Protein backbone atom coordinates (compact mmCIF):
# COMPACT_ATOMS: atom_id res chain seq x y z
CA MET A 1 0.00 0.00 0.00
CA ARG A 2 1.35 3.36 -0.96
CA ILE A 3 0.88 6.50 1.14
CA LYS A 4 0.35 9.67 -0.80
CA ARG A 5 2.69 12.42 0.13
CA GLY A 6 2.13 16.13 -0.39
CA ASN A 7 -1.60 15.98 0.32
CA LYS A 8 -2.25 19.66 0.86
CA GLY A 9 -5.16 20.57 3.11
CA PHE A 10 -6.05 23.07 5.77
CA SER A 11 -4.60 22.66 9.18
CA LEU A 12 -6.73 22.96 12.28
CA VAL A 13 -5.00 26.24 13.19
CA GLU A 14 -5.85 27.75 9.80
CA LEU A 15 -9.49 26.74 10.16
CA ILE A 16 -9.67 28.25 13.65
CA ILE A 17 -8.18 31.53 12.39
CA VAL A 18 -10.74 31.71 9.57
CA MET A 19 -13.57 31.00 12.02
CA ALA A 20 -12.30 33.71 14.37
CA ILE A 21 -12.23 36.24 11.52
CA MET A 22 -15.81 35.31 10.54
CA VAL A 23 -17.03 35.66 14.14
CA ALA A 24 -15.38 39.10 14.37
CA LEU A 25 -17.04 40.21 11.12
CA VAL A 26 -20.46 39.02 12.31
CA ALA A 27 -19.96 40.81 15.63
CA VAL A 28 -19.27 44.06 13.79
CA ILE A 29 -22.00 43.72 11.13
CA ALA A 30 -24.90 42.31 13.22
CA PRO A 31 -25.73 45.51 15.19
CA GLN A 32 -25.80 47.53 11.95
CA TYR A 33 -28.10 44.96 10.36
CA VAL A 34 -30.51 45.09 13.31
CA LYS A 35 -30.51 48.90 13.14
CA TYR A 36 -31.32 48.88 9.41
CA VAL A 37 -34.15 46.36 9.88
CA LYS A 38 -35.67 48.57 12.61
CA GLN A 39 -35.37 51.65 10.40
CA SER A 40 -37.06 49.74 7.59
CA HIS A 41 -39.98 48.72 9.85
CA ASP A 42 -40.31 52.30 11.10
CA ALA A 43 -40.34 53.55 7.49
CA VAL A 44 -43.08 51.08 6.51
CA LEU A 45 -45.16 52.23 9.48
CA ALA A 46 -44.54 55.90 8.64
CA ASN A 47 -45.66 55.29 5.07
CA ALA A 48 -48.83 53.55 6.28
CA ALA A 49 -49.53 56.44 8.68
CA GLU A 50 -49.16 58.96 5.84
CA GLU A 51 -51.66 56.94 3.78
CA VAL A 52 -54.11 56.92 6.68
CA LEU A 53 -53.63 60.67 7.24
CA SER A 54 -54.36 61.31 3.56
CA ALA A 55 -57.47 59.10 3.74
CA VAL A 56 -58.66 60.87 6.91
CA ARG A 57 -58.35 64.27 5.24
CA THR A 58 -60.13 63.07 2.11
CA GLU A 59 -62.93 61.18 3.84
CA TYR A 60 -63.46 64.01 6.31
CA GLY A 61 -63.57 66.49 3.44
CA VAL A 62 -66.29 64.60 1.59
CA GLY A 63 -68.28 63.96 4.76
CA ASN A 64 -67.81 60.20 5.07
CA MET A 65 -65.97 60.61 8.37
CA THR A 66 -67.42 62.74 11.15
CA GLY A 67 -66.79 63.52 14.79
CA VAL A 68 -63.85 64.50 16.94
CA GLY A 69 -61.19 62.12 18.27
CA ASP A 70 -58.07 60.16 17.40
CA VAL A 71 -57.16 57.68 14.69
CA THR A 72 -54.27 55.47 15.82
CA VAL A 73 -51.80 53.73 13.50
CA LYS A 74 -49.34 51.26 15.04
CA GLY A 75 -47.93 47.78 14.94
CA GLY A 76 -50.30 45.60 16.94
CA ASP A 77 -49.39 43.22 19.75
CA ASP A 78 -48.96 40.46 17.16
CA GLY A 79 -46.78 42.70 14.96
CA LYS A 80 -49.60 43.27 12.47
CA LEU A 81 -50.48 46.78 11.36
CA SER A 82 -53.37 48.24 13.34
CA VAL A 83 -55.56 51.24 12.44
CA THR A 84 -58.24 52.14 14.99
CA LEU A 85 -60.84 54.89 15.12
CA GLY A 86 -61.18 56.42 18.57
CA GLU A 87 -64.32 57.24 20.51
CA GLY A 88 -66.33 60.00 18.88
CA ILE A 89 -65.25 59.30 15.30
CA GLU A 90 -67.67 57.66 12.91
CA TYR A 91 -67.11 56.46 9.39
CA ASN A 92 -70.48 56.33 7.62
CA GLY A 93 -72.02 55.22 10.90
CA ALA A 94 -69.84 52.09 10.93
CA ASN A 95 -66.77 50.88 12.76
CA GLY A 96 -63.24 51.23 11.44
CA GLU A 97 -63.20 48.19 9.15
CA GLU A 98 -64.69 50.06 6.19
CA PHE A 99 -62.33 52.96 6.77
CA ILE A 100 -59.30 50.66 6.80
CA SER A 101 -60.25 49.27 3.40
CA VAL A 102 -60.57 52.86 2.11
CA CYS A 103 -57.03 53.59 3.34
CA GLY A 104 -55.67 50.70 1.32
CA VAL A 105 -53.34 49.78 4.19
CA ASP A 106 -52.09 46.20 4.11
CA GLN A 107 -52.89 44.86 7.57
CA GLY A 108 -51.12 41.61 6.78
CA LYS A 109 -47.73 43.28 6.99
CA THR A 110 -45.65 42.52 10.03
CA ILE A 111 -44.42 45.79 11.46
CA LYS A 112 -42.42 45.46 14.64
CA SER A 113 -42.00 49.10 15.55
CA ASN A 114 -42.33 50.94 18.84
CA ILE A 115 -43.70 54.05 17.15
CA ILE A 116 -47.37 55.01 17.29
CA TYR A 117 -48.90 57.60 14.98
CA VAL A 118 -51.94 59.46 16.31
CA ILE A 119 -54.04 61.49 13.89
CA LYS A 120 -55.96 64.04 15.94
CA ILE A 121 -59.22 65.43 14.61
CA ARG A 122 -60.13 68.45 16.67
CA SER A 123 -62.89 71.01 16.45
CA VAL A 124 -61.95 74.60 15.78
CA THR A 125 -65.41 75.68 16.94
CA ASN A 126 -65.57 73.35 20.01
CA ASP A 127 -68.37 71.39 18.35
CA VAL A 128 -68.15 67.66 19.12
CA TYR A 129 -69.84 66.57 15.92
CA ILE A 130 -68.34 68.50 13.01
CA MET A 131 -69.88 68.32 9.58
CA LYS A 132 -67.78 70.93 7.79
CA PRO A 133 -64.09 70.19 7.12
CA GLU A 134 -63.17 73.84 7.52
CA ASP A 135 -64.26 73.61 11.17
CA ALA A 136 -61.79 70.82 11.92
CA SER A 137 -58.05 70.67 12.42
CA ILE A 138 -56.40 67.40 11.44
CA GLU A 139 -52.83 66.81 12.60
CA MET A 140 -50.62 63.78 13.09
CA GLU A 141 -48.18 63.28 15.93
CA VAL A 142 -45.68 60.54 16.67
CA ILE A 143 -45.49 58.78 20.03
CA GLU A 144 -42.79 56.37 21.21
CA ASN A 145 -44.49 53.70 23.26
CA GLY A 146 -41.24 52.70 24.97
CA ASP A 147 -41.06 49.02 23.91
């Protein structure tokens, strides 16, 4: 039986050095990756909130949405996008489901963000049930919920 000489392979030391370099690279890159993923989720939520704000202004302007209160846009407890109409706001006398379909917001998206957008519909004339858009102020504010 003949033994082959000159069989070139990697030594254990070389493999350990390569593994150490890879671990160091992952340790440097991983925090940046996590930061970019969070920024991406926040951007998706911000985009959804802008769509809801636009829909609120439009639907309020044409009279489909009435009342005074808050519309909340956030990632739900399960990570799904959540749009809720607060007390005092009506959309054609119905709950928020019809309004959500008008917004065109994809509620199937998973959005793990700790930011909440609150669209505030307030009366300029202190009337609780506003019919005219010019008597309402509609503004959006951002809230960190601390998660």
